[in-house]
Amino acid sequence: MTAIISAEHLRVVDSPTLRFEGTEHGSAVSFFLVTNDPGQGPGLHRHPYTETWTVLEGEATIQVGAETFIARAGDSAVVQPDLWHAFTNSGRGTLRIICIHASAVMIQENASEETLTRAR
């Protein structure tokens, strides 16, 4: 059965970002629809599955392991499982990016200071 899920039901508290966790809606994928101001973005983290990003608006600096990439509206990127990654709005305006998790349940390990020290 098809169901419409309102954006307000998915909204992260006190944020314009939406979070869709597939298992709650009978879907095999999950996603964030992120809306960030310049300089904002998630810290270094990883997942045990692939994550695919598509930039809808703006510019993102994406870090995957020791590599850094710039992605602009229309660009997509795929991060393989268990790789440390992060992104930041490196543009002058709003960044809108969809982050698709290849899992019905989001699993995320955030980097600790100890992990960051070892990764450098």
C-alpha atoms as a PDB file:
ATOM      1  CA  MET A   1       0.000   0.000   0.000  1.00  0.00           C
ATOM      2  CA  THR A   2       1.294   3.455  -0.891  1.00  0.00           C
ATOM      3  CA  ALA A   3       1.417   5.983   1.915  1.00  0.00           C
ATOM      4  CA  ILE A   4       2.366   9.643   2.006  1.00  0.00           C
ATOM      5  CA  ILE A   5       4.536  10.581   4.967  1.00  0.00           C
ATOM      6  CA  SER A   6       4.408  14.259   5.783  1.00  0.00           C
ATOM      7  CA  ALA A   7       7.638  16.214   6.035  1.00  0.00           C
ATOM      8  CA  GLU A   8       6.629  17.340   9.524  1.00  0.00           C
ATOM      9  CA  HIS A   9       6.524  13.696  10.642  1.00  0.00           C
ATOM     10  CA  LEU A  10      10.119  13.254   9.428  1.00  0.00           C
ATOM     11  CA  ARG A  11      11.544  16.580  10.638  1.00  0.00           C
ATOM     12  CA  VAL A  12      14.500  16.415  13.031  1.00  0.00           C
ATOM     13  CA  VAL A  13      13.624  18.448  16.140  1.00  0.00           C
ATOM     14  CA  ASP A  14      14.591  22.139  15.807  1.00  0.00           C
ATOM     15  CA  SER A  15      16.030  21.542  12.319  1.00  0.00           C
ATOM     16  CA  PRO A  16      14.998  21.872   8.678  1.00  0.00           C
ATOM     17  CA  THR A  17      16.507  18.397   8.051  1.00  0.00           C
ATOM     18  CA  LEU A  18      14.254  15.374   7.445  1.00  0.00           C
ATOM     19  CA  ARG A  19      15.078  11.825   8.617  1.00  0.00           C
ATOM     20  CA  PHE A  20      13.356   8.823   7.042  1.00  0.00           C
ATOM     21  CA  GLU A  21      14.118   5.463   8.618  1.00  0.00           C
ATOM     22  CA  GLY A  22      12.882   2.746   6.267  1.00  0.00           C
ATOM     23  CA  THR A  23      11.913   0.122   8.791  1.00  0.00           C
ATOM     24  CA  GLU A  24       9.221   2.435  10.207  1.00  0.00           C
ATOM     25  CA  HIS A  25       7.604   2.711   6.765  1.00  0.00           C
ATOM     26  CA  GLY A  26       8.094  -0.717   5.165  1.00  0.00           C
ATOM     27  CA  SER A  27      11.078   0.400   3.076  1.00  0.00           C
ATOM     28  CA  ALA A  28      14.482  -1.223   2.611  1.00  0.00           C
ATOM     29  CA  VAL A  29      16.300   2.151   2.512  1.00  0.00           C
ATOM     30  CA  SER A  30      16.645   5.141   4.824  1.00  0.00           C
ATOM     31  CA  PHE A  31      17.641   8.741   4.119  1.00  0.00           C
ATOM     32  CA  PHE A  32      18.367  12.194   5.421  1.00  0.00           C
ATOM     33  CA  LEU A  33      17.222  15.200   3.402  1.00  0.00           C
ATOM     34  CA  VAL A  34      19.702  17.684   4.833  1.00  0.00           C
ATOM     35  CA  THR A  35      19.378  21.461   4.715  1.00  0.00           C
ATOM     36  CA  ASN A  36      22.530  23.162   6.047  1.00  0.00           C
ATOM     37  CA  ASP A  37      23.876  26.692   6.253  1.00  0.00           C
ATOM     38  CA  PRO A  38      27.483  27.452   5.240  1.00  0.00           C
ATOM     39  CA  GLY A  39      29.985  25.714   7.510  1.00  0.00           C
ATOM     40  CA  GLN A  40      27.490  23.134   8.787  1.00  0.00           C
ATOM     41  CA  GLY A  41      27.657  19.366   8.318  1.00  0.00           C
ATOM     42  CA  PRO A  42      27.961  16.111  10.221  1.00  0.00           C
ATOM     43  CA  GLY A  43      31.219  15.161  11.904  1.00  0.00           C
ATOM     44  CA  LEU A  44      33.344  12.204  10.862  1.00  0.00           C
ATOM     45  CA  HIS A  45      31.360   8.964  11.018  1.00  0.00           C
ATOM     46  CA  ARG A  46      30.864   5.613   9.257  1.00  0.00           C
ATOM     47  CA  HIS A  47      28.193   3.012   8.487  1.00  0.00           C
ATOM     48  CA  PRO A  48      28.337  -0.777   7.857  1.00  0.00           C
ATOM     49  CA  TYR A  49      26.605  -0.247   4.467  1.00  0.00           C
ATOM     50  CA  THR A  50      26.964   2.096   1.492  1.00  0.00           C
ATOM     51  CA  GLU A  51      25.738   5.674   1.649  1.00  0.00           C
ATOM     52  CA  THR A  52      24.890   7.570  -1.525  1.00  0.00           C
ATOM     53  CA  TRP A  53      24.661  11.360  -1.669  1.00  0.00           C
ATOM     54  CA  THR A  54      23.128  13.640  -4.259  1.00  0.00           C
ATOM     55  CA  VAL A  55      23.577  17.381  -3.925  1.00  0.00           C
ATOM     56  CA  LEU A  56      20.278  19.082  -4.743  1.00  0.00           C
ATOM     57  CA  GLU A  57      21.407  22.662  -4.120  1.00  0.00           C
ATOM     58  CA  GLY A  58      24.662  24.345  -3.122  1.00  0.00           C
ATOM     59  CA  GLU A  59      28.154  22.979  -2.634  1.00  0.00           C
ATOM     60  CA  ALA A  60      29.525  20.324  -0.283  1.00  0.00           C
ATOM     61  CA  THR A  61      33.073  19.437   0.628  1.00  0.00           C
ATOM     62  CA  ILE A  62      33.061  15.683   1.159  1.00  0.00           C
ATOM     63  CA  GLN A  63      35.762  13.860   3.099  1.00  0.00           C
ATOM     64  CA  VAL A  64      36.139  10.107   2.596  1.00  0.00           C
ATOM     65  CA  GLY A  65      39.115   8.679   4.446  1.00  0.00           C
ATOM     66  CA  ALA A  66      42.105  10.891   3.583  1.00  0.00           C
ATOM     67  CA  GLU A  67      40.527  12.204   0.350  1.00  0.00           C
ATOM     68  CA  THR A  68      38.474  15.379  -0.073  1.00  0.00           C
ATOM     69  CA  PHE A  69      36.063  16.148  -2.920  1.00  0.00           C
ATOM     70  CA  ILE A  70      33.869  19.092  -3.909  1.00  0.00           C
ATOM     71  CA  ALA A  71      30.319  18.251  -5.019  1.00  0.00           C
ATOM     72  CA  ARG A  72      27.845  20.729  -6.483  1.00  0.00           C
ATOM     73  CA  ALA A  73      24.159  20.624  -7.410  1.00  0.00           C
ATOM     74  CA  GLY A  74      23.498  17.535  -9.530  1.00  0.00           C
ATOM     75  CA  ASP A  75      26.636  15.676  -8.387  1.00  0.00           C
ATOM     76  CA  SER A  76      26.433  12.327  -6.587  1.00  0.00           C
ATOM     77  CA  ALA A  77      28.911  10.366  -4.484  1.00  0.00           C
ATOM     78  CA  VAL A  78      28.966   6.857  -3.026  1.00  0.00           C
ATOM     79  CA  VAL A  79      30.818   5.939   0.157  1.00  0.00           C
ATOM     80  CA  GLN A  80      31.617   2.285   0.680  1.00  0.00           C
ATOM     81  CA  PRO A  81      30.847   0.519   3.986  1.00  0.00           C
ATOM     82  CA  ASP A  82      33.029   1.200   7.035  1.00  0.00           C
ATOM     83  CA  LEU A  83      34.884   4.205   5.544  1.00  0.00           C
ATOM     84  CA  TRP A  84      35.116   7.294   7.746  1.00  0.00           C
ATOM     85  CA  HIS A  85      33.397  10.214   6.034  1.00  0.00           C
ATOM     86  CA  ALA A  86      31.875  13.647   6.575  1.00  0.00           C
ATOM     87  CA  PHE A  87      30.599  16.596   4.567  1.00  0.00           C
ATOM     88  CA  THR A  88      30.372  20.329   5.122  1.00  0.00           C
ATOM     89  CA  ASN A  89      28.476  23.067   3.346  1.00  0.00           C
ATOM     90  CA  SER A  90      31.416  24.832   1.702  1.00  0.00           C
ATOM     91  CA  GLY A  91      29.290  27.144  -0.429  1.00  0.00           C
ATOM     92  CA  ARG A  92      27.923  30.609   0.232  1.00  0.00           C
ATOM     93  CA  GLY A  93      24.268  29.604   0.327  1.00  0.00           C
ATOM     94  CA  THR A  94      22.076  26.768   1.544  1.00  0.00           C
ATOM     95  CA  LEU A  95      23.195  23.162   0.997  1.00  0.00           C
ATOM     96  CA  ARG A  96      20.429  20.670   0.272  1.00  0.00           C
ATOM     97  CA  ILE A  97      21.702  17.120  -0.005  1.00  0.00           C
ATOM     98  CA  ILE A  98      19.980  13.759   0.173  1.00  0.00           C
ATOM     99  CA  CYS A  99      21.944  11.057   1.999  1.00  0.00           C
ATOM    100  CA  ILE A 100      20.597   7.604   1.123  1.00  0.00           C
ATOM    101  CA  HIS A 101      21.469   4.765   3.492  1.00  0.00           C
ATOM    102  CA  ALA A 102      21.352   1.266   1.967  1.00  0.00           C
ATOM    103  CA  SER A 103      19.634  -0.081   5.070  1.00  0.00           C
ATOM    104  CA  ALA A 104      16.142  -0.088   6.545  1.00  0.00           C
ATOM    105  CA  VAL A 105      17.725   0.914   9.867  1.00  0.00           C
ATOM    106  CA  MET A 106      20.323   3.667  10.222  1.00  0.00           C
ATOM    107  CA  ILE A 107      23.496   2.489  11.930  1.00  0.00           C
ATOM    108  CA  GLN A 108      26.164   5.108  12.559  1.00  0.00           C
ATOM    109  CA  GLU A 109      29.429   5.145  14.467  1.00  0.00           C
ATOM    110  CA  ASN A 110      30.729   8.627  15.212  1.00  0.00           C
ATOM    111  CA  ALA A 111      34.482   9.200  15.386  1.00  0.00           C
ATOM    112  CA  SER A 112      35.915   9.806  18.818  1.00  0.00           C
ATOM    113  CA  GLU A 113      38.938  11.969  19.548  1.00  0.00           C
ATOM    114  CA  GLU A 114      40.981   8.741  19.773  1.00  0.00           C
ATOM    115  CA  THR A 115      39.781   7.658  16.311  1.00  0.00           C
ATOM    116  CA  LEU A 116      40.510  11.093  14.860  1.00  0.00           C
ATOM    117  CA  THR A 117      44.059  11.001  16.223  1.00  0.00           C
ATOM    118  CA  ARG A 118      44.683   7.550  14.678  1.00  0.00           C
ATOM    119  CA  ALA A 119      43.165   8.628  11.308  1.00  0.00           C
ATOM    120  CA  ARG A 120      45.521  11.605  10.887  1.00  0.00           C
END
